Amino acid sequence: MYTARRESCFKSGLGCCDPTQGEVSFPGGKVDEPLDLSLLDTALRETSEEMNISRNRVELLGSVGPPERSLRGDTVWPFVGFVHENSDWSSESIHNDLPLPSIDLSAIKRTASQDEVAAIFHLPLAELGSNPSRNRQYLFRNKRPYWAVDVSDLVSGEDELPFISESIEKTLEDEVGGGRGGRLEVWGLTGWYLELLSLRLAVLDSRQAD
């Protein structure tokens, strides 16, 4: 689930049994059938458990792209939402001509699950179009070109991320791990959905993605 409008909030996985350990990803997880009545329920519950963001603060905006199968065999459904400042928001109180306040990232960092999340950072989507040095073109599933995004500087000096190794070098088809060349990157399935969202919001020109 994407927790932003024209910006995105990410987390890096932590934990000996976490399948996303050492990777940048959006909040999310597997369906818990006794608890979840829908796939959206799963996304909202996992966001609450990992990031301590109450589902009452999330305004559902829709979804981006069709579901994709991860390299681990899971089918992933992406949802897009805007996280409001508090849970007492209403559509009647929103003025279309006024900007909405951003979430308090410092507060989320203080209350996020320490068992599941190693780091939380903010990536303005405008960076994807205005700062091309962040972007490196890879092939999603070794077929579809997309831009992976280097975010190493967004966590440098703030969080200890021992899983980043200067010696790491991944092949194009192996999109598991923190990134390539020792960089911390938004890539693989997370990078693919970020690209689709950026194109939908016209942050990236479609010609840039080809």
C-alpha atoms as a PDB file:
ATOM      1  CA  MET A   1       0.000   0.000   0.000  1.00  0.00           C
ATOM      2  CA  TYR A   2       1.347   3.414  -0.957  1.00  0.00           C
ATOM      3  CA  THR A   3       1.027   5.921   1.859  1.00  0.00           C
ATOM      4  CA  ALA A   4       1.246   9.242   0.023  1.00  0.00           C
ATOM      5  CA  ARG A   5      -0.101  11.510  -2.667  1.00  0.00           C
ATOM      6  CA  ARG A   6       2.847  12.939  -4.650  1.00  0.00           C
ATOM      7  CA  GLU A   7       5.331  11.507  -2.177  1.00  0.00           C
ATOM      8  CA  SER A   8       6.063   8.052  -0.854  1.00  0.00           C
ATOM      9  CA  CYS A   9       6.938   6.571   2.490  1.00  0.00           C
ATOM     10  CA  PHE A  10       9.063   3.429   2.531  1.00  0.00           C
ATOM     11  CA  LYS A  11      10.402   0.985   5.073  1.00  0.00           C
ATOM     12  CA  SER A  12      13.288  -1.465   5.076  1.00  0.00           C
ATOM     13  CA  GLY A  13      12.610  -4.937   6.431  1.00  0.00           C
ATOM     14  CA  LEU A  14      14.307  -6.317   9.524  1.00  0.00           C
ATOM     15  CA  GLY A  15      14.187  -9.679  11.250  1.00  0.00           C
ATOM     16  CA  CYS A  16      15.597 -13.178  10.889  1.00  0.00           C
ATOM     17  CA  CYS A  17      12.359 -14.581   9.485  1.00  0.00           C
ATOM     18  CA  ASP A  18      11.205 -11.568   7.461  1.00  0.00           C
ATOM     19  CA  PRO A  19      11.127 -12.387   3.700  1.00  0.00           C
ATOM     20  CA  THR A  20      11.775  -8.701   2.938  1.00  0.00           C
ATOM     21  CA  GLN A  21      14.780  -8.441   5.253  1.00  0.00           C
ATOM     22  CA  GLY A  22      17.266  -5.953   3.867  1.00  0.00           C
ATOM     23  CA  GLU A  23      14.902  -4.691   1.161  1.00  0.00           C
ATOM     24  CA  VAL A  24      13.097  -1.424   0.580  1.00  0.00           C
ATOM     25  CA  SER A  25       9.360  -1.956   0.358  1.00  0.00           C
ATOM     26  CA  PHE A  26       5.988  -0.417   0.973  1.00  0.00           C
ATOM     27  CA  PRO A  27       4.051  -1.560   4.049  1.00  0.00           C
ATOM     28  CA  GLY A  28       2.179  -4.792   3.397  1.00  0.00           C
ATOM     29  CA  GLY A  29       2.051  -8.501   4.012  1.00  0.00           C
ATOM     30  CA  LYS A  30       0.135 -11.733   3.710  1.00  0.00           C
ATOM     31  CA  VAL A  31      -3.597 -12.199   4.169  1.00  0.00           C
ATOM     32  CA  ASP A  32      -4.683 -13.346   7.621  1.00  0.00           C
ATOM     33  CA  GLU A  33      -8.021 -14.991   6.810  1.00  0.00           C
ATOM     34  CA  PRO A  34      -9.532 -14.867  10.302  1.00  0.00           C
ATOM     35  CA  LEU A  35      -8.821 -11.116  10.516  1.00  0.00           C
ATOM     36  CA  ASP A  36      -8.969  -9.799   6.950  1.00  0.00           C
ATOM     37  CA  LEU A  37     -12.286  -9.561   5.109  1.00  0.00           C
ATOM     38  CA  SER A  38     -10.610  -8.262   1.946  1.00  0.00           C
ATOM     39  CA  LEU A  39      -7.220  -7.580   0.393  1.00  0.00           C
ATOM     40  CA  LEU A  40      -7.630  -3.919   1.373  1.00  0.00           C
ATOM     41  CA  ASP A  41      -8.118  -5.037   4.981  1.00  0.00           C
ATOM     42  CA  THR A  42      -4.792  -6.851   4.734  1.00  0.00           C
ATOM     43  CA  ALA A  43      -3.000  -3.751   3.428  1.00  0.00           C
ATOM     44  CA  LEU A  44      -4.475  -1.517   6.140  1.00  0.00           C
ATOM     45  CA  ARG A  45      -3.799  -4.010   8.942  1.00  0.00           C
ATOM     46  CA  GLU A  46      -0.193  -4.558   7.885  1.00  0.00           C
ATOM     47  CA  THR A  47       0.363  -0.798   7.586  1.00  0.00           C
ATOM     48  CA  SER A  48      -0.954  -0.376  11.121  1.00  0.00           C
ATOM     49  CA  GLU A  49       1.177  -3.210  12.494  1.00  0.00           C
ATOM     50  CA  GLU A  50       4.396  -2.154  10.772  1.00  0.00           C
ATOM     51  CA  MET A  51       4.141   1.642  10.738  1.00  0.00           C
ATOM     52  CA  ASN A  52       1.584   2.267  13.506  1.00  0.00           C
ATOM     53  CA  ILE A  53      -0.599   4.209  11.054  1.00  0.00           C
ATOM     54  CA  SER A  54      -4.245   3.781  11.999  1.00  0.00           C
ATOM     55  CA  ARG A  55      -6.512   2.659   9.164  1.00  0.00           C
ATOM     56  CA  ASN A  56      -8.841   5.559  10.059  1.00  0.00           C
ATOM     57  CA  ARG A  57      -6.144   7.962   8.853  1.00  0.00           C
ATOM     58  CA  VAL A  58      -5.894   6.397   5.390  1.00  0.00           C
ATOM     59  CA  GLU A  59      -8.012   7.708   2.528  1.00  0.00           C
ATOM     60  CA  LEU A  60      -8.130   5.086  -0.221  1.00  0.00           C
ATOM     61  CA  LEU A  61      -7.357   6.569  -3.633  1.00  0.00           C
ATOM     62  CA  GLY A  62      -7.340   3.408  -5.722  1.00  0.00           C
ATOM     63  CA  SER A  63      -4.775   0.980  -7.037  1.00  0.00           C
ATOM     64  CA  VAL A  64      -1.900   1.068  -9.515  1.00  0.00           C
ATOM     65  CA  GLY A  65      -1.378  -1.624 -12.103  1.00  0.00           C
ATOM     66  CA  PRO A  66      -2.524  -5.236 -12.078  1.00  0.00           C
ATOM     67  CA  PRO A  67      -1.410  -7.686  -9.393  1.00  0.00           C
ATOM     68  CA  GLU A  68       2.050  -9.141  -9.948  1.00  0.00           C
ATOM     69  CA  ARG A  69       3.671 -12.314  -8.644  1.00  0.00           C
ATOM     70  CA  SER A  70       6.762 -11.795  -6.527  1.00  0.00           C
ATOM     71  CA  LEU A  71       9.892 -13.883  -7.029  1.00  0.00           C
ATOM     72  CA  ARG A  72       8.876 -15.763  -3.878  1.00  0.00           C
ATOM     73  CA  GLY A  73       5.592 -16.806  -5.499  1.00  0.00           C
ATOM     74  CA  ASP A  74       3.245 -14.406  -3.681  1.00  0.00           C
ATOM     75  CA  THR A  75       0.628 -12.470  -5.661  1.00  0.00           C
ATOM     76  CA  VAL A  76       0.802  -8.777  -4.730  1.00  0.00           C
ATOM     77  CA  TRP A  77      -2.102  -6.314  -5.021  1.00  0.00           C
ATOM     78  CA  PRO A  78      -1.044  -2.633  -4.747  1.00  0.00           C
ATOM     79  CA  PHE A  79      -3.301  -0.034  -3.123  1.00  0.00           C
ATOM     80  CA  VAL A  80      -2.788   3.724  -3.112  1.00  0.00           C
ATOM     81  CA  GLY A  81      -3.815   5.862  -0.174  1.00  0.00           C
ATOM     82  CA  PHE A  82      -3.278   9.265   1.385  1.00  0.00           C
ATOM     83  CA  VAL A  83      -2.361   9.348   5.069  1.00  0.00           C
ATOM     84  CA  HIS A  84      -4.077  12.214   6.879  1.00  0.00           C
ATOM     85  CA  GLU A  85      -2.675  14.027   9.894  1.00  0.00           C
ATOM     86  CA  ASN A  86      -5.230  12.435  12.211  1.00  0.00           C
ATOM     87  CA  SER A  87      -8.191  10.062  12.132  1.00  0.00           C
ATOM     88  CA  ASP A  88     -10.977  12.675  12.371  1.00  0.00           C
ATOM     89  CA  TRP A  89     -10.613  13.898   8.800  1.00  0.00           C
ATOM     90  CA  SER A  90     -13.620  14.060   6.477  1.00  0.00           C
ATOM     91  CA  SER A  91     -14.021  14.676   2.758  1.00  0.00           C
ATOM     92  CA  GLU A  92     -16.195  17.714   3.578  1.00  0.00           C
ATOM     93  CA  SER A  93     -13.321  19.364   5.458  1.00  0.00           C
ATOM     94  CA  ILE A  94     -10.881  19.069   2.552  1.00  0.00           C
ATOM     95  CA  HIS A  95     -10.457  22.171   0.396  1.00  0.00           C
ATOM     96  CA  ASN A  96      -9.296  21.300  -3.102  1.00  0.00           C
ATOM     97  CA  ASP A  97      -7.384  24.572  -3.476  1.00  0.00           C
ATOM     98  CA  LEU A  98      -5.314  24.081  -0.298  1.00  0.00           C
ATOM     99  CA  PRO A  99      -2.385  21.672   0.135  1.00  0.00           C
ATOM    100  CA  LEU A 100      -2.867  18.860   2.623  1.00  0.00           C
ATOM    101  CA  PRO A 101      -0.335  18.614   5.466  1.00  0.00           C
ATOM    102  CA  SER A 102       2.320  15.931   5.238  1.00  0.00           C
ATOM    103  CA  ILE A 103       2.505  13.120   7.753  1.00  0.00           C
ATOM    104  CA  ASP A 104       4.773  13.475  10.775  1.00  0.00           C
ATOM    105  CA  LEU A 105       7.569  11.149   9.711  1.00  0.00           C
ATOM    106  CA  SER A 106       9.447  11.599  12.987  1.00  0.00           C
ATOM    107  CA  ALA A 107       6.433  10.403  14.968  1.00  0.00           C
ATOM    108  CA  ILE A 108       6.031   7.362  12.699  1.00  0.00           C
ATOM    109  CA  LYS A 109       9.703   6.486  13.143  1.00  0.00           C
ATOM    110  CA  ARG A 110       9.314   6.599  16.934  1.00  0.00           C
ATOM    111  CA  THR A 111       6.316   4.276  17.003  1.00  0.00           C
ATOM    112  CA  ALA A 112       6.961   1.875  14.093  1.00  0.00           C
ATOM    113  CA  SER A 113       7.509  -1.807  14.822  1.00  0.00           C
ATOM    114  CA  GLN A 114      11.146  -2.330  15.769  1.00  0.00           C
ATOM    115  CA  ASP A 115      10.767  -6.050  15.081  1.00  0.00           C
ATOM    116  CA  GLU A 116       9.747  -5.535  11.444  1.00  0.00           C
ATOM    117  CA  VAL A 117      11.170  -2.199  10.337  1.00  0.00           C
ATOM    118  CA  ALA A 118      14.839  -1.192  10.243  1.00  0.00           C
ATOM    119  CA  ALA A 119      14.403   2.250   8.691  1.00  0.00           C
ATOM    120  CA  ILE A 120      11.707   4.593   7.393  1.00  0.00           C
ATOM    121  CA  PHE A 121      12.387   7.349   4.899  1.00  0.00           C
ATOM    122  CA  HIS A 122      10.575   9.791   2.652  1.00  0.00           C
ATOM    123  CA  LEU A 123      11.133  10.012  -1.095  1.00  0.00           C
ATOM    124  CA  PRO A 124       9.458  12.993  -2.829  1.00  0.00           C
ATOM    125  CA  LEU A 125       8.211  11.740  -6.175  1.00  0.00           C
ATOM    126  CA  ALA A 126       9.366  14.995  -7.758  1.00  0.00           C
ATOM    127  CA  GLU A 127      12.907  13.709  -7.210  1.00  0.00           C
ATOM    128  CA  LEU A 128      12.330  11.015  -9.826  1.00  0.00           C
ATOM    129  CA  GLY A 129      11.851  13.567 -12.579  1.00  0.00           C
ATOM    130  CA  SER A 130      14.104  16.378 -11.332  1.00  0.00           C
ATOM    131  CA  ASN A 131      17.079  14.347 -10.100  1.00  0.00           C
ATOM    132  CA  PRO A 132      17.961  11.817 -12.827  1.00  0.00           C
ATOM    133  CA  SER A 133      21.163  10.832 -10.997  1.00  0.00           C
ATOM    134  CA  ARG A 134      18.990   8.770  -8.661  1.00  0.00           C
ATOM    135  CA  ASN A 135      17.601   6.630 -11.457  1.00  0.00           C
ATOM    136  CA  ARG A 136      19.162   3.553 -13.010  1.00  0.00           C
ATOM    137  CA  GLN A 137      17.370   1.611 -15.706  1.00  0.00           C
ATOM    138  CA  TYR A 138      16.825  -2.073 -15.008  1.00  0.00           C
ATOM    139  CA  LEU A 139      14.594  -4.725 -16.527  1.00  0.00           C
ATOM    140  CA  PHE A 140      11.613  -5.862 -14.467  1.00  0.00           C
ATOM    141  CA  ARG A 141      11.529  -9.669 -14.663  1.00  0.00           C
ATOM    142  CA  ASN A 142      14.302  -9.264 -17.222  1.00  0.00           C
ATOM    143  CA  LYS A 143      11.756  -8.016 -19.782  1.00  0.00           C
ATOM    144  CA  ARG A 144      10.159  -4.643 -18.995  1.00  0.00           C
ATOM    145  CA  PRO A 145      12.395  -1.564 -18.580  1.00  0.00           C
ATOM    146  CA  TYR A 146      11.875   0.603 -15.516  1.00  0.00           C
ATOM    147  CA  TRP A 147      13.843   2.988 -13.307  1.00  0.00           C
ATOM    148  CA  ALA A 148      15.289   1.760 -10.021  1.00  0.00           C
ATOM    149  CA  VAL A 149      15.874   4.605  -7.560  1.00  0.00           C
ATOM    150  CA  ASP A 150      19.012   5.031  -5.441  1.00  0.00           C
ATOM    151  CA  VAL A 151      17.945   6.114  -1.931  1.00  0.00           C
ATOM    152  CA  SER A 152      21.194   5.453  -0.073  1.00  0.00           C
ATOM    153  CA  ASP A 153      21.559   9.109   0.915  1.00  0.00           C
ATOM    154  CA  LEU A 154      18.061   9.261   2.411  1.00  0.00           C
ATOM    155  CA  VAL A 155      19.010   6.921   5.258  1.00  0.00           C
ATOM    156  CA  SER A 156      22.741   7.647   5.503  1.00  0.00           C
ATOM    157  CA  GLY A 157      23.765   8.871   8.947  1.00  0.00           C
ATOM    158  CA  GLU A 158      20.287   8.329  10.367  1.00  0.00           C
ATOM    159  CA  ASP A 159      19.789   4.584  10.507  1.00  0.00           C
ATOM    160  CA  GLU A 160      22.249   1.748  10.765  1.00  0.00           C
ATOM    161  CA  LEU A 161      21.660  -0.593   7.841  1.00  0.00           C
ATOM    162  CA  PRO A 162      24.215  -3.385   8.192  1.00  0.00           C
ATOM    163  CA  PHE A 163      22.755  -5.336   5.268  1.00  0.00           C
ATOM    164  CA  ILE A 164      24.198  -2.871   2.732  1.00  0.00           C
ATOM    165  CA  SER A 165      27.462  -4.266   1.402  1.00  0.00           C
ATOM    166  CA  GLU A 166      29.843  -2.563  -0.983  1.00  0.00           C
ATOM    167  CA  SER A 167      30.520  -5.956  -2.568  1.00  0.00           C
ATOM    168  CA  ILE A 168      26.898  -6.746  -3.498  1.00  0.00           C
ATOM    169  CA  GLU A 169      26.317  -7.047  -7.235  1.00  0.00           C
ATOM    170  CA  LYS A 170      23.027  -8.453  -8.492  1.00  0.00           C
ATOM    171  CA  THR A 171      22.073  -9.711 -11.920  1.00  0.00           C
ATOM    172  CA  LEU A 172      19.156  -8.075 -13.721  1.00  0.00           C
ATOM    173  CA  GLU A 173      16.831 -11.006 -13.171  1.00  0.00           C
ATOM    174  CA  ASP A 174      17.652 -11.308  -9.435  1.00  0.00           C
ATOM    175  CA  GLU A 175      15.649  -8.479  -7.896  1.00  0.00           C
ATOM    176  CA  VAL A 176      15.881  -9.681  -4.302  1.00  0.00           C
ATOM    177  CA  GLY A 177      17.942  -7.741  -1.787  1.00  0.00           C
ATOM    178  CA  GLY A 178      18.757  -4.135  -0.957  1.00  0.00           C
ATOM    179  CA  GLY A 179      20.056  -3.174  -4.394  1.00  0.00           C
ATOM    180  CA  ARG A 180      23.015  -3.445  -6.723  1.00  0.00           C
ATOM    181  CA  GLY A 181      26.600  -2.282  -6.374  1.00  0.00           C
ATOM    182  CA  GLY A 182      26.280  -1.682  -2.632  1.00  0.00           C
ATOM    183  CA  ARG A 183      23.465   0.858  -3.135  1.00  0.00           C
ATOM    184  CA  LEU A 184      20.181   0.900  -1.257  1.00  0.00           C
ATOM    185  CA  GLU A 185      17.591   1.034  -4.028  1.00  0.00           C
ATOM    186  CA  VAL A 186      13.875   1.011  -4.644  1.00  0.00           C
ATOM    187  CA  TRP A 187      13.843  -1.735  -7.245  1.00  0.00           C
ATOM    188  CA  GLY A 188      12.233  -5.029  -8.179  1.00  0.00           C
ATOM    189  CA  LEU A 189       8.494  -5.217  -7.599  1.00  0.00           C
ATOM    190  CA  THR A 190       8.488  -2.137  -5.344  1.00  0.00           C
ATOM    191  CA  GLY A 191      10.379  -0.160  -7.991  1.00  0.00           C
ATOM    192  CA  TRP A 192       8.026  -1.372 -10.702  1.00  0.00           C
ATOM    193  CA  TYR A 193       4.929  -0.186  -8.836  1.00  0.00           C
ATOM    194  CA  LEU A 194       6.635   3.105  -7.963  1.00  0.00           C
ATOM    195  CA  GLU A 195       7.265   3.604 -11.681  1.00  0.00           C
ATOM    196  CA  LEU A 196       3.619   2.935 -12.555  1.00  0.00           C
ATOM    197  CA  LEU A 197       2.480   5.393  -9.874  1.00  0.00           C
ATOM    198  CA  SER A 198       4.961   8.031 -11.111  1.00  0.00           C
ATOM    199  CA  LEU A 199       3.722   7.659 -14.672  1.00  0.00           C
ATOM    200  CA  ARG A 200       0.099   7.906 -13.536  1.00  0.00           C
ATOM    201  CA  LEU A 201       0.881  11.138 -11.667  1.00  0.00           C
ATOM    202  CA  ALA A 202       2.939  12.451 -14.609  1.00  0.00           C
ATOM    203  CA  VAL A 203       6.043  12.685 -12.415  1.00  0.00           C
ATOM    204  CA  LEU A 204       7.894  10.662 -15.050  1.00  0.00           C
ATOM    205  CA  ASP A 205       7.468  11.213 -18.758  1.00  0.00           C
ATOM    206  CA  SER A 206       6.463   7.963 -20.445  1.00  0.00           C
ATOM    207  CA  ARG A 207       9.384   8.447 -22.836  1.00  0.00           C
ATOM    208  CA  GLN A 208      11.762   8.363 -19.852  1.00  0.00           C
ATOM    209  CA  ALA A 209      10.482   4.922 -18.897  1.00  0.00           C
ATOM    210  CA  ASP A 210      11.002   3.348 -22.328  1.00  0.00           C
END
